[in-house]
Amino acid sequence: MNDKKKMNIGIFGGTFNPPHYGHLIVAEHVRERAGLDKIIFIPSFISPHKQAGEEKDARARLEMVRLAIKDNSHFTVSDIELKRKGTSYTFETVEALRAEHTNDLLFFLIGMDNFIEFRTWKFPERIVEQAKLIVMNRASYQHNQQQLPFSSSAIFVDVPDIEISSSEIRASVKAHRSIRYLVPTSVEEYIMEHRLYRN
């Protein structure tokens, strides 16, 4: 008899280039509001929506996520997309995680800006067959939720509006400006030690 407790598991994908406090704050906010037991951070190998070339920093991004979440027992990280390589399609990742977590409930975290375009993703219907969507809605980004496709498969959670972006952090490093208080100290140290984002 399997007495293992059924868990509510969140799936949080992204490039995380680099991971910053905004990612951590909204993830913890969603975990608490949605009653999740665990959130799996999944750095992409090559995101369908990003520029080519990011795969060369994939291992560094994975390690930075590990460092960023190490103090939160509810957060973990998976290298599933890095191992698979190629373009990181969400439907493949969610189906693979469903096979690993047969007794658990899966929730896929997605920002409202991406949810608006969700119908254009590769096989969105296969994603919602395996996981409930948690749409992270910022107060500054208002949209009529119920008129969007796949709204019936989604939970909408208002999250803090954190004005931190990975692209601005990369630009700051390149310009030799401080990134203190934008990323965890361990991530800042990793960036400096490995001389990331200098070019």
N, C-alpha and C. Protein backbone atom coordinates (compact mmCIF):
# COMPACT_ATOMS: atom_id res chain seq x y z
N MET A 1 0.84 -1.20 0.00
CA MET A 1 0.00 0.00 0.00
C MET A 1 0.88 1.25 0.00
N ASN A 2 0.54 2.21 -0.87
CA ASN A 2 1.32 3.44 -0.97
C ASN A 2 0.72 4.50 -0.06
N ASP A 3 1.47 4.82 1.03
CA ASP A 3 0.98 5.81 1.98
C ASP A 3 1.58 7.19 1.74
N LYS A 4 2.27 7.35 0.63
CA LYS A 4 2.91 8.63 0.35
C LYS A 4 1.86 9.73 0.19
N LYS A 5 2.09 10.85 0.87
CA LYS A 5 1.16 11.97 0.84
C LYS A 5 1.13 12.60 -0.55
N LYS A 6 -0.08 12.86 -1.02
CA LYS A 6 -0.21 13.57 -2.29
C LYS A 6 0.24 15.01 -2.09
N MET A 7 1.08 15.48 -2.99
CA MET A 7 1.64 16.82 -2.86
C MET A 7 1.13 17.74 -3.95
N ASN A 8 1.05 19.02 -3.64
CA ASN A 8 0.76 20.06 -4.62
C ASN A 8 2.10 20.66 -5.05
N ILE A 9 2.47 20.43 -6.31
CA ILE A 9 3.78 20.81 -6.80
C ILE A 9 3.67 21.87 -7.88
N GLY A 10 4.35 22.98 -7.67
CA GLY A 10 4.40 24.04 -8.67
C GLY A 10 5.59 23.86 -9.59
N ILE A 11 5.41 24.21 -10.85
CA ILE A 11 6.47 24.13 -11.86
C ILE A 11 6.73 25.56 -12.33
N PHE A 12 7.95 26.04 -12.13
CA PHE A 12 8.29 27.43 -12.44
C PHE A 12 9.45 27.42 -13.43
N GLY A 13 9.14 27.60 -14.70
CA GLY A 13 10.16 27.59 -15.74
C GLY A 13 10.60 28.99 -16.12
N GLY A 14 11.78 29.07 -16.71
CA GLY A 14 12.28 30.36 -17.16
C GLY A 14 13.74 30.24 -17.55
N THR A 15 14.28 31.31 -18.10
CA THR A 15 15.70 31.31 -18.41
C THR A 15 16.53 31.54 -17.14
N PHE A 16 16.00 32.36 -16.21
CA PHE A 16 16.71 32.67 -14.96
C PHE A 16 18.15 33.10 -15.26
N ASN A 17 18.26 34.16 -16.02
CA ASN A 17 19.55 34.59 -16.56
C ASN A 17 19.88 36.04 -16.19
N PRO A 18 20.15 36.32 -14.90
CA PRO A 18 20.25 35.40 -13.77
C PRO A 18 18.94 35.36 -12.97
N PRO A 19 18.83 34.41 -12.03
CA PRO A 19 17.69 34.43 -11.10
C PRO A 19 17.86 35.62 -10.15
N HIS A 20 16.74 36.26 -9.80
CA HIS A 20 16.83 37.45 -8.94
C HIS A 20 15.73 37.41 -7.87
N TYR A 21 15.74 38.41 -7.01
CA TYR A 21 14.78 38.44 -5.91
C TYR A 21 13.34 38.49 -6.40
N GLY A 22 13.09 39.06 -7.55
CA GLY A 22 11.73 39.07 -8.09
C GLY A 22 11.20 37.67 -8.29
N HIS A 23 12.03 36.79 -8.86
CA HIS A 23 11.63 35.40 -9.05
C HIS A 23 11.29 34.74 -7.70
N LEU A 24 12.14 34.98 -6.72
CA LEU A 24 11.97 34.33 -5.42
C LEU A 24 10.74 34.86 -4.69
N ILE A 25 10.52 36.15 -4.76
CA ILE A 25 9.38 36.76 -4.05
C ILE A 25 8.05 36.27 -4.62
N VAL A 26 7.92 36.28 -5.95
CA VAL A 26 6.64 35.85 -6.53
C VAL A 26 6.43 34.36 -6.34
N ALA A 27 7.51 33.57 -6.40
CA ALA A 27 7.36 32.12 -6.20
C ALA A 27 6.89 31.83 -4.78
N GLU A 28 7.47 32.48 -3.79
CA GLU A 28 7.05 32.25 -2.41
C GLU A 28 5.62 32.75 -2.18
N HIS A 29 5.29 33.86 -2.81
CA HIS A 29 3.93 34.40 -2.71
C HIS A 29 2.91 33.41 -3.26
N VAL A 30 3.19 32.86 -4.44
CA VAL A 30 2.29 31.89 -5.06
C VAL A 30 2.23 30.61 -4.23
N ARG A 31 3.38 30.16 -3.75
CA ARG A 31 3.40 28.93 -2.95
C ARG A 31 2.46 29.04 -1.76
N GLU A 32 2.52 30.16 -1.09
CA GLU A 32 1.69 30.35 0.10
C GLU A 32 0.22 30.54 -0.27
N ARG A 33 -0.05 31.37 -1.24
CA ARG A 33 -1.45 31.67 -1.61
C ARG A 33 -2.15 30.47 -2.23
N ALA A 34 -1.42 29.68 -3.00
CA ALA A 34 -2.03 28.54 -3.70
C ALA A 34 -1.89 27.23 -2.92
N GLY A 35 -1.26 27.27 -1.77
CA GLY A 35 -1.13 26.07 -0.96
C GLY A 35 -0.24 25.01 -1.56
N LEU A 36 0.87 25.41 -2.16
CA LEU A 36 1.78 24.46 -2.78
C LEU A 36 2.77 23.92 -1.75
N ASP A 37 3.06 22.64 -1.84
CA ASP A 37 4.05 22.03 -0.95
C ASP A 37 5.47 22.27 -1.43
N LYS A 38 5.61 22.40 -2.74
CA LYS A 38 6.95 22.52 -3.32
C LYS A 38 6.84 23.25 -4.65
N ILE A 39 7.88 24.00 -4.98
CA ILE A 39 7.99 24.61 -6.31
C ILE A 39 9.31 24.16 -6.93
N ILE A 40 9.21 23.63 -8.14
CA ILE A 40 10.39 23.19 -8.88
C ILE A 40 10.77 24.29 -9.88
N PHE A 41 11.93 24.87 -9.71
CA PHE A 41 12.46 25.84 -10.68
C PHE A 41 13.13 25.07 -11.81
N ILE A 42 12.79 25.41 -13.05
CA ILE A 42 13.32 24.67 -14.19
C ILE A 42 13.94 25.64 -15.20
N PRO A 43 15.27 25.80 -15.13
CA PRO A 43 15.93 26.64 -16.14
C PRO A 43 15.81 25.99 -17.52
N SER A 44 15.50 26.80 -18.51
CA SER A 44 15.39 26.28 -19.87
C SER A 44 16.78 26.07 -20.46
N PHE A 45 16.85 25.18 -21.45
CA PHE A 45 18.09 25.04 -22.22
C PHE A 45 18.08 26.11 -23.31
N ILE A 46 17.08 26.06 -24.17
CA ILE A 46 16.84 27.13 -25.14
C ILE A 46 15.35 27.44 -25.10
N SER A 47 14.99 28.62 -24.66
CA SER A 47 13.59 29.00 -24.60
C SER A 47 13.06 29.32 -26.00
N PRO A 48 11.83 28.88 -26.32
CA PRO A 48 11.26 29.21 -27.63
C PRO A 48 11.08 30.71 -27.83
N HIS A 49 11.06 31.47 -26.72
CA HIS A 49 10.75 32.90 -26.80
C HIS A 49 11.97 33.78 -26.59
N LYS A 50 13.16 33.19 -26.51
CA LYS A 50 14.36 33.97 -26.24
C LYS A 50 15.33 33.89 -27.42
N GLN A 51 16.44 34.61 -27.26
CA GLN A 51 17.45 34.63 -28.31
C GLN A 51 18.30 33.37 -28.29
N ALA A 52 18.76 32.97 -29.46
CA ALA A 52 19.67 31.83 -29.55
C ALA A 52 20.98 32.18 -28.86
N GLY A 53 21.68 31.19 -28.37
CA GLY A 53 22.96 31.39 -27.72
C GLY A 53 22.91 31.25 -26.22
N GLU A 54 21.70 31.26 -25.64
CA GLU A 54 21.61 31.18 -24.18
C GLU A 54 22.01 29.81 -23.65
N GLU A 55 22.03 28.80 -24.54
CA GLU A 55 22.37 27.46 -24.08
C GLU A 55 23.81 27.37 -23.56
N LYS A 56 24.68 28.26 -24.03
CA LYS A 56 26.06 28.19 -23.57
C LYS A 56 26.20 28.54 -22.09
N ASP A 57 25.22 29.26 -21.54
CA ASP A 57 25.24 29.61 -20.12
C ASP A 57 24.31 28.74 -19.29
N ALA A 58 23.82 27.65 -19.88
CA ALA A 58 22.79 26.85 -19.21
C ALA A 58 23.25 26.32 -17.86
N ARG A 59 24.45 25.76 -17.79
CA ARG A 59 24.94 25.20 -16.54
C ARG A 59 25.15 26.28 -15.48
N ALA A 60 25.58 27.44 -15.91
CA ALA A 60 25.75 28.56 -14.97
C ALA A 60 24.40 29.00 -14.43
N ARG A 61 23.40 29.05 -15.29
CA ARG A 61 22.06 29.45 -14.84
C ARG A 61 21.49 28.45 -13.86
N LEU A 62 21.72 27.16 -14.13
CA LEU A 62 21.26 26.12 -13.21
C LEU A 62 21.93 26.28 -11.84
N GLU A 63 23.23 26.50 -11.83
CA GLU A 63 23.95 26.63 -10.57
C GLU A 63 23.51 27.89 -9.82
N MET A 64 23.24 28.98 -10.54
CA MET A 64 22.77 30.19 -9.88
C MET A 64 21.40 30.00 -9.24
N VAL A 65 20.52 29.23 -9.91
CA VAL A 65 19.23 28.93 -9.29
C VAL A 65 19.43 28.11 -8.02
N ARG A 66 20.32 27.12 -8.08
CA ARG A 66 20.62 26.32 -6.88
C ARG A 66 21.04 27.22 -5.72
N LEU A 67 21.92 28.16 -6.01
CA LEU A 67 22.41 29.07 -4.97
C LEU A 67 21.28 29.97 -4.47
N ALA A 68 20.44 30.44 -5.38
CA ALA A 68 19.38 31.39 -5.01
C ALA A 68 18.34 30.77 -4.09
N ILE A 69 18.05 29.48 -4.27
CA ILE A 69 16.95 28.85 -3.53
C ILE A 69 17.40 27.99 -2.36
N LYS A 70 18.70 27.94 -2.10
CA LYS A 70 19.24 26.96 -1.15
C LYS A 70 18.68 27.12 0.26
N ASP A 71 18.21 28.30 0.63
CA ASP A 71 17.72 28.52 1.99
C ASP A 71 16.22 28.29 2.14
N ASN A 72 15.54 27.88 1.07
CA ASN A 72 14.10 27.66 1.13
C ASN A 72 13.82 26.16 0.90
N SER A 73 13.37 25.49 1.95
CA SER A 73 13.15 24.05 1.86
C SER A 73 11.98 23.68 0.95
N HIS A 74 11.15 24.66 0.59
CA HIS A 74 10.01 24.41 -0.30
C HIS A 74 10.40 24.55 -1.78
N PHE A 75 11.60 25.04 -2.03
CA PHE A 75 12.05 25.25 -3.40
C PHE A 75 13.09 24.19 -3.77
N THR A 76 13.01 23.72 -5.02
CA THR A 76 14.02 22.83 -5.55
C THR A 76 14.25 23.20 -7.01
N VAL A 77 15.27 22.62 -7.62
CA VAL A 77 15.58 22.93 -9.01
C VAL A 77 15.77 21.63 -9.78
N SER A 78 15.39 21.64 -11.04
CA SER A 78 15.52 20.47 -11.91
C SER A 78 16.31 20.84 -13.16
N ASP A 79 17.17 19.91 -13.58
CA ASP A 79 17.92 20.10 -14.82
C ASP A 79 17.29 19.35 -15.99
N ILE A 80 16.02 19.04 -15.89
CA ILE A 80 15.33 18.23 -16.88
C ILE A 80 15.45 18.80 -18.29
N GLU A 81 15.35 20.13 -18.44
CA GLU A 81 15.41 20.72 -19.78
C GLU A 81 16.85 20.80 -20.27
N LEU A 82 17.79 20.95 -19.36
CA LEU A 82 19.20 20.95 -19.77
C LEU A 82 19.62 19.58 -20.26
N LYS A 83 19.14 18.53 -19.59
CA LYS A 83 19.47 17.16 -20.01
C LYS A 83 18.84 16.85 -21.37
N ARG A 84 17.63 17.36 -21.60
CA ARG A 84 16.94 17.06 -22.86
C ARG A 84 17.57 17.82 -24.02
N LYS A 85 18.12 18.99 -23.72
CA LYS A 85 18.75 19.87 -24.72
C LYS A 85 17.72 20.30 -25.78
N GLY A 86 18.20 20.97 -26.80
CA GLY A 86 17.28 21.47 -27.82
C GLY A 86 16.37 22.55 -27.26
N THR A 87 15.37 22.92 -28.04
CA THR A 87 14.40 23.92 -27.59
C THR A 87 13.56 23.34 -26.46
N SER A 88 13.38 24.14 -25.40
CA SER A 88 12.68 23.67 -24.20
C SER A 88 11.18 23.95 -24.33
N TYR A 89 10.44 22.94 -24.75
CA TYR A 89 8.99 23.09 -24.88
C TYR A 89 8.31 22.65 -23.58
N THR A 90 7.42 23.48 -23.09
CA THR A 90 6.77 23.24 -21.80
C THR A 90 5.98 21.94 -21.79
N PHE A 91 5.30 21.62 -22.88
CA PHE A 91 4.47 20.41 -22.88
C PHE A 91 5.30 19.17 -22.62
N GLU A 92 6.52 19.13 -23.15
CA GLU A 92 7.40 17.98 -22.92
C GLU A 92 7.83 17.90 -21.46
N THR A 93 8.13 19.04 -20.89
CA THR A 93 8.57 19.08 -19.50
C THR A 93 7.46 18.66 -18.56
N VAL A 94 6.27 19.20 -18.77
CA VAL A 94 5.13 18.88 -17.90
C VAL A 94 4.77 17.40 -18.01
N GLU A 95 4.80 16.86 -19.22
CA GLU A 95 4.49 15.43 -19.38
C GLU A 95 5.53 14.55 -18.70
N ALA A 96 6.79 14.96 -18.76
CA ALA A 96 7.84 14.19 -18.10
C ALA A 96 7.69 14.24 -16.58
N LEU A 97 7.33 15.41 -16.07
CA LEU A 97 7.13 15.54 -14.63
C LEU A 97 5.89 14.79 -14.16
N ARG A 98 4.87 14.75 -15.00
CA ARG A 98 3.67 13.98 -14.66
C ARG A 98 4.02 12.50 -14.51
N ALA A 99 4.91 11.99 -15.37
CA ALA A 99 5.32 10.59 -15.29
C ALA A 99 6.10 10.32 -14.00
N GLU A 100 6.81 11.32 -13.49
CA GLU A 100 7.58 11.18 -12.25
C GLU A 100 6.70 11.33 -11.01
N HIS A 101 5.65 12.14 -11.13
CA HIS A 101 4.81 12.49 -9.97
C HIS A 101 3.38 12.02 -10.23
N THR A 102 3.22 10.73 -10.35
CA THR A 102 1.93 10.17 -10.75
C THR A 102 0.81 10.44 -9.74
N ASN A 103 1.15 10.56 -8.46
CA ASN A 103 0.11 10.74 -7.44
C ASN A 103 -0.06 12.18 -6.98
N ASP A 104 0.76 13.07 -7.52
CA ASP A 104 0.74 14.46 -7.07
C ASP A 104 -0.09 15.34 -8.00
N LEU A 105 -0.47 16.50 -7.50
CA LEU A 105 -1.15 17.50 -8.31
C LEU A 105 -0.11 18.50 -8.81
N LEU A 106 -0.08 18.74 -10.11
CA LEU A 106 0.89 19.65 -10.70
C LEU A 106 0.25 20.97 -11.06
N PHE A 107 0.99 22.04 -10.85
CA PHE A 107 0.55 23.40 -11.16
C PHE A 107 1.67 24.10 -11.93
N PHE A 108 1.33 24.65 -13.09
CA PHE A 108 2.32 25.34 -13.90
C PHE A 108 2.18 26.84 -13.72
N LEU A 109 3.24 27.50 -13.23
CA LEU A 109 3.21 28.93 -12.98
C LEU A 109 3.51 29.68 -14.28
N ILE A 110 2.67 30.66 -14.58
CA ILE A 110 2.83 31.43 -15.81
C ILE A 110 2.42 32.88 -15.54
N GLY A 111 3.19 33.82 -16.05
CA GLY A 111 2.85 35.23 -15.91
C GLY A 111 1.66 35.59 -16.81
N MET A 112 0.92 36.62 -16.42
CA MET A 112 -0.24 37.03 -17.21
C MET A 112 0.16 37.41 -18.63
N ASP A 113 1.32 38.04 -18.80
CA ASP A 113 1.76 38.43 -20.14
C ASP A 113 1.95 37.20 -21.03
N ASN A 114 2.48 36.12 -20.46
CA ASN A 114 2.63 34.87 -21.23
C ASN A 114 1.30 34.14 -21.39
N PHE A 115 0.44 34.24 -20.38
CA PHE A 115 -0.86 33.56 -20.46
C PHE A 115 -1.70 34.12 -21.60
N ILE A 116 -1.59 35.40 -21.85
CA ILE A 116 -2.32 36.01 -22.97
C ILE A 116 -1.93 35.36 -24.30
N GLU A 117 -0.68 34.93 -24.41
CA GLU A 117 -0.19 34.30 -25.63
C GLU A 117 -0.17 32.77 -25.53
N PHE A 118 -0.70 32.22 -24.45
CA PHE A 118 -0.57 30.79 -24.17
C PHE A 118 -1.14 29.92 -25.30
N ARG A 119 -2.20 30.38 -25.93
CA ARG A 119 -2.82 29.58 -27.01
C ARG A 119 -1.86 29.39 -28.18
N THR A 120 -0.82 30.24 -28.30
CA THR A 120 0.13 30.13 -29.41
C THR A 120 1.30 29.20 -29.06
N TRP A 121 1.37 28.73 -27.80
CA TRP A 121 2.45 27.83 -27.41
C TRP A 121 2.27 26.48 -28.10
N LYS A 122 3.30 25.69 -28.10
CA LYS A 122 3.24 24.38 -28.72
C LYS A 122 2.42 23.43 -27.83
N PHE A 123 1.31 22.92 -28.37
CA PHE A 123 0.42 21.98 -27.68
C PHE A 123 -0.02 22.46 -26.29
N PRO A 124 -0.63 23.62 -26.18
CA PRO A 124 -1.08 24.10 -24.86
C PRO A 124 -2.10 23.17 -24.22
N GLU A 125 -2.92 22.52 -25.05
CA GLU A 125 -3.93 21.62 -24.51
C GLU A 125 -3.29 20.42 -23.79
N ARG A 126 -2.11 20.01 -24.23
CA ARG A 126 -1.42 18.91 -23.55
C ARG A 126 -0.86 19.36 -22.21
N ILE A 127 -0.52 20.62 -22.10
CA ILE A 127 -0.04 21.15 -20.82
C ILE A 127 -1.16 21.13 -19.79
N VAL A 128 -2.34 21.64 -20.18
CA VAL A 128 -3.44 21.73 -19.21
C VAL A 128 -4.07 20.37 -18.91
N GLU A 129 -3.79 19.37 -19.74
CA GLU A 129 -4.23 18.01 -19.40
C GLU A 129 -3.46 17.45 -18.21
N GLN A 130 -2.24 17.91 -18.03
CA GLN A 130 -1.36 17.37 -16.99
C GLN A 130 -1.22 18.27 -15.77
N ALA A 131 -1.48 19.56 -15.93
CA ALA A 131 -1.24 20.50 -14.83
C ALA A 131 -2.26 21.64 -14.87
N LYS A 132 -2.65 22.07 -13.68
CA LYS A 132 -3.47 23.28 -13.56
C LYS A 132 -2.56 24.49 -13.74
N LEU A 133 -3.04 25.52 -14.40
CA LEU A 133 -2.26 26.73 -14.57
C LEU A 133 -2.45 27.65 -13.37
N ILE A 134 -1.37 28.24 -12.90
CA ILE A 134 -1.45 29.34 -11.94
C ILE A 134 -0.94 30.57 -12.65
N VAL A 135 -1.85 31.50 -12.92
CA VAL A 135 -1.50 32.71 -13.65
C VAL A 135 -1.13 33.79 -12.64
N MET A 136 0.10 34.27 -12.74
CA MET A 136 0.59 35.30 -11.82
C MET A 136 0.26 36.66 -12.41
N ASN A 137 -0.64 37.34 -11.73
CA ASN A 137 -1.17 38.60 -12.24
C ASN A 137 -0.67 39.76 -11.39
N ARG A 138 0.04 40.69 -12.02
CA ARG A 138 0.53 41.87 -11.30
C ARG A 138 -0.53 42.96 -11.32
N ALA A 139 -0.57 43.74 -10.27
CA ALA A 139 -1.56 44.81 -10.16
C ALA A 139 -1.46 45.81 -11.30
N SER A 140 -0.24 46.01 -11.81
CA SER A 140 -0.03 46.99 -12.88
C SER A 140 -0.39 46.44 -14.26
N TYR A 141 -0.77 45.15 -14.31
CA TYR A 141 -1.04 44.51 -15.60
C TYR A 141 -2.46 43.96 -15.57
N GLN A 142 -3.42 44.81 -15.87
CA GLN A 142 -4.82 44.43 -15.78
C GLN A 142 -5.31 43.88 -17.12
N HIS A 143 -6.07 42.81 -17.05
CA HIS A 143 -6.64 42.21 -18.26
C HIS A 143 -7.89 41.44 -17.87
N ASN A 144 -8.84 41.37 -18.78
CA ASN A 144 -10.05 40.61 -18.49
C ASN A 144 -9.73 39.12 -18.53
N GLN A 145 -9.62 38.54 -17.34
CA GLN A 145 -9.14 37.17 -17.23
C GLN A 145 -10.06 36.16 -17.89
N GLN A 146 -11.33 36.29 -17.66
CA GLN A 146 -12.26 35.25 -18.07
C GLN A 146 -12.48 35.18 -19.58
N GLN A 147 -12.08 36.20 -20.31
CA GLN A 147 -12.26 36.18 -21.76
C GLN A 147 -11.10 35.51 -22.49
N LEU A 148 -10.07 35.14 -21.75
CA LEU A 148 -8.90 34.54 -22.38
C LEU A 148 -9.06 33.03 -22.54
N PRO A 149 -8.54 32.46 -23.65
CA PRO A 149 -8.56 31.01 -23.81
C PRO A 149 -7.86 30.32 -22.64
N PHE A 150 -8.35 29.18 -22.24
CA PHE A 150 -7.79 28.36 -21.16
C PHE A 150 -8.01 28.95 -19.77
N SER A 151 -8.86 29.98 -19.66
CA SER A 151 -9.15 30.55 -18.34
C SER A 151 -9.78 29.52 -17.40
N SER A 152 -10.56 28.60 -17.97
CA SER A 152 -11.21 27.59 -17.14
C SER A 152 -10.21 26.60 -16.55
N SER A 153 -9.00 26.58 -17.10
CA SER A 153 -7.96 25.68 -16.61
C SER A 153 -6.97 26.40 -15.70
N ALA A 154 -7.32 27.62 -15.29
CA ALA A 154 -6.36 28.46 -14.58
C ALA A 154 -6.87 28.94 -13.23
N ILE A 155 -5.92 29.15 -12.32
CA ILE A 155 -6.14 29.85 -11.07
C ILE A 155 -5.38 31.17 -11.19
N PHE A 156 -6.02 32.27 -10.84
CA PHE A 156 -5.38 33.58 -10.95
C PHE A 156 -4.94 34.05 -9.57
N VAL A 157 -3.65 34.36 -9.45
CA VAL A 157 -3.09 34.80 -8.17
C VAL A 157 -2.42 36.15 -8.38
N ASP A 158 -2.86 37.15 -7.64
CA ASP A 158 -2.21 38.46 -7.69
C ASP A 158 -0.87 38.38 -6.98
N VAL A 159 0.18 38.87 -7.63
CA VAL A 159 1.53 38.82 -7.05
C VAL A 159 2.09 40.23 -6.96
N PRO A 160 3.07 40.43 -6.07
CA PRO A 160 3.69 41.75 -5.95
C PRO A 160 4.33 42.18 -7.26
N ASP A 161 4.29 43.46 -7.53
CA ASP A 161 4.86 44.03 -8.75
C ASP A 161 6.31 44.41 -8.46
N ILE A 162 7.22 43.48 -8.73
CA ILE A 162 8.63 43.68 -8.43
C ILE A 162 9.35 44.17 -9.68
N GLU A 163 9.85 45.38 -9.64
CA GLU A 163 10.49 45.97 -10.83
C GLU A 163 11.97 45.60 -10.88
N ILE A 164 12.21 44.30 -11.07
CA ILE A 164 13.58 43.81 -11.28
C ILE A 164 13.55 42.94 -12.53
N SER A 165 14.51 43.11 -13.41
CA SER A 165 14.55 42.26 -14.59
C SER A 165 15.96 41.72 -14.80
N SER A 166 16.02 40.51 -15.32
CA SER A 166 17.32 39.88 -15.58
C SER A 166 18.12 40.68 -16.61
N SER A 167 17.45 41.23 -17.61
CA SER A 167 18.16 41.99 -18.64
C SER A 167 18.81 43.24 -18.05
N GLU A 168 18.14 43.89 -17.11
CA GLU A 168 18.72 45.07 -16.47
C GLU A 168 19.90 44.68 -15.59
N ILE A 169 19.81 43.53 -14.94
CA ILE A 169 20.93 43.05 -14.12
C ILE A 169 22.14 42.78 -15.01
N ARG A 170 21.93 42.11 -16.13
CA ARG A 170 23.04 41.84 -17.05
C ARG A 170 23.67 43.15 -17.54
N ALA A 171 22.82 44.12 -17.86
CA ALA A 171 23.32 45.42 -18.32
C ALA A 171 24.12 46.12 -17.23
N SER A 172 23.66 46.00 -15.99
CA SER A 172 24.37 46.63 -14.87
C SER A 172 25.74 46.01 -14.67
N VAL A 173 25.82 44.68 -14.75
CA VAL A 173 27.11 44.01 -14.61
C VAL A 173 28.06 44.46 -15.71
N LYS A 174 27.56 44.51 -16.93
CA LYS A 174 28.39 44.93 -18.06
C LYS A 174 28.91 46.35 -17.88
N ALA A 175 28.09 47.21 -17.26
CA ALA A 175 28.46 48.61 -17.05
C ALA A 175 29.17 48.82 -15.72
N HIS A 176 29.47 47.72 -15.01
CA HIS A 176 30.16 47.78 -13.72
C HIS A 176 29.37 48.55 -12.67
N ARG A 177 28.06 48.40 -12.71
CA ARG A 177 27.19 49.00 -11.69
C ARG A 177 26.80 47.94 -10.67
N SER A 178 26.41 48.36 -9.51
CA SER A 178 26.05 47.44 -8.43
C SER A 178 24.77 46.68 -8.74
N ILE A 179 24.78 45.38 -8.37
CA ILE A 179 23.55 44.57 -8.43
C ILE A 179 23.16 44.10 -7.03
N ARG A 180 23.73 44.73 -6.04
CA ARG A 180 23.41 44.39 -4.66
C ARG A 180 21.93 44.65 -4.41
N TYR A 181 21.29 43.75 -3.68
CA TYR A 181 19.86 43.79 -3.34
C TYR A 181 18.94 43.45 -4.52
N LEU A 182 19.53 43.13 -5.68
CA LEU A 182 18.73 42.66 -6.82
C LEU A 182 18.75 41.14 -6.91
N VAL A 183 19.87 40.57 -6.50
CA VAL A 183 20.05 39.11 -6.50
C VAL A 183 20.59 38.70 -5.14
N PRO A 184 20.39 37.43 -4.74
CA PRO A 184 21.01 36.96 -3.50
C PRO A 184 22.53 37.12 -3.56
N THR A 185 23.15 37.32 -2.41
CA THR A 185 24.59 37.52 -2.35
C THR A 185 25.35 36.38 -3.01
N SER A 186 24.88 35.15 -2.81
CA SER A 186 25.56 33.99 -3.40
C SER A 186 25.54 34.05 -4.93
N VAL A 187 24.44 34.56 -5.49
CA VAL A 187 24.35 34.70 -6.96
C VAL A 187 25.26 35.82 -7.43
N GLU A 188 25.28 36.92 -6.71
CA GLU A 188 26.18 38.03 -7.07
C GLU A 188 27.63 37.56 -7.06
N GLU A 189 28.00 36.80 -6.04
CA GLU A 189 29.37 36.31 -5.95
C GLU A 189 29.70 35.35 -7.10
N TYR A 190 28.72 34.51 -7.47
CA TYR A 190 28.94 33.58 -8.59
C TYR A 190 29.15 34.36 -9.89
N ILE A 191 28.33 35.38 -10.11
CA ILE A 191 28.46 36.19 -11.33
C ILE A 191 29.84 36.84 -11.40
N MET A 192 30.30 37.39 -10.28
CA MET A 192 31.60 38.06 -10.27
C MET A 192 32.74 37.06 -10.41
N GLU A 193 32.64 35.93 -9.70
CA GLU A 193 33.71 34.94 -9.74
C GLU A 193 33.89 34.36 -11.14
N HIS A 194 32.76 34.14 -11.83
CA HIS A 194 32.83 33.53 -13.16
C HIS A 194 32.77 34.55 -14.29
N ARG A 195 32.82 35.82 -13.91
CA ARG A 195 32.89 36.92 -14.87
C ARG A 195 31.78 36.82 -15.93
N LEU A 196 30.57 36.59 -15.45
CA LEU A 196 29.42 36.50 -16.35
C LEU A 196 28.98 37.90 -16.78
N TYR A 197 28.37 37.96 -17.94
CA TYR A 197 27.72 39.16 -18.47
C TYR A 197 28.68 40.33 -18.71
N ARG A 198 29.95 40.05 -18.85
CA ARG A 198 30.91 41.14 -19.08
C ARG A 198 30.93 41.60 -20.53
N ASN A 199 30.56 40.70 -21.45
CA ASN A 199 30.63 41.04 -22.88
C ASN A 199 29.27 41.44 -23.44
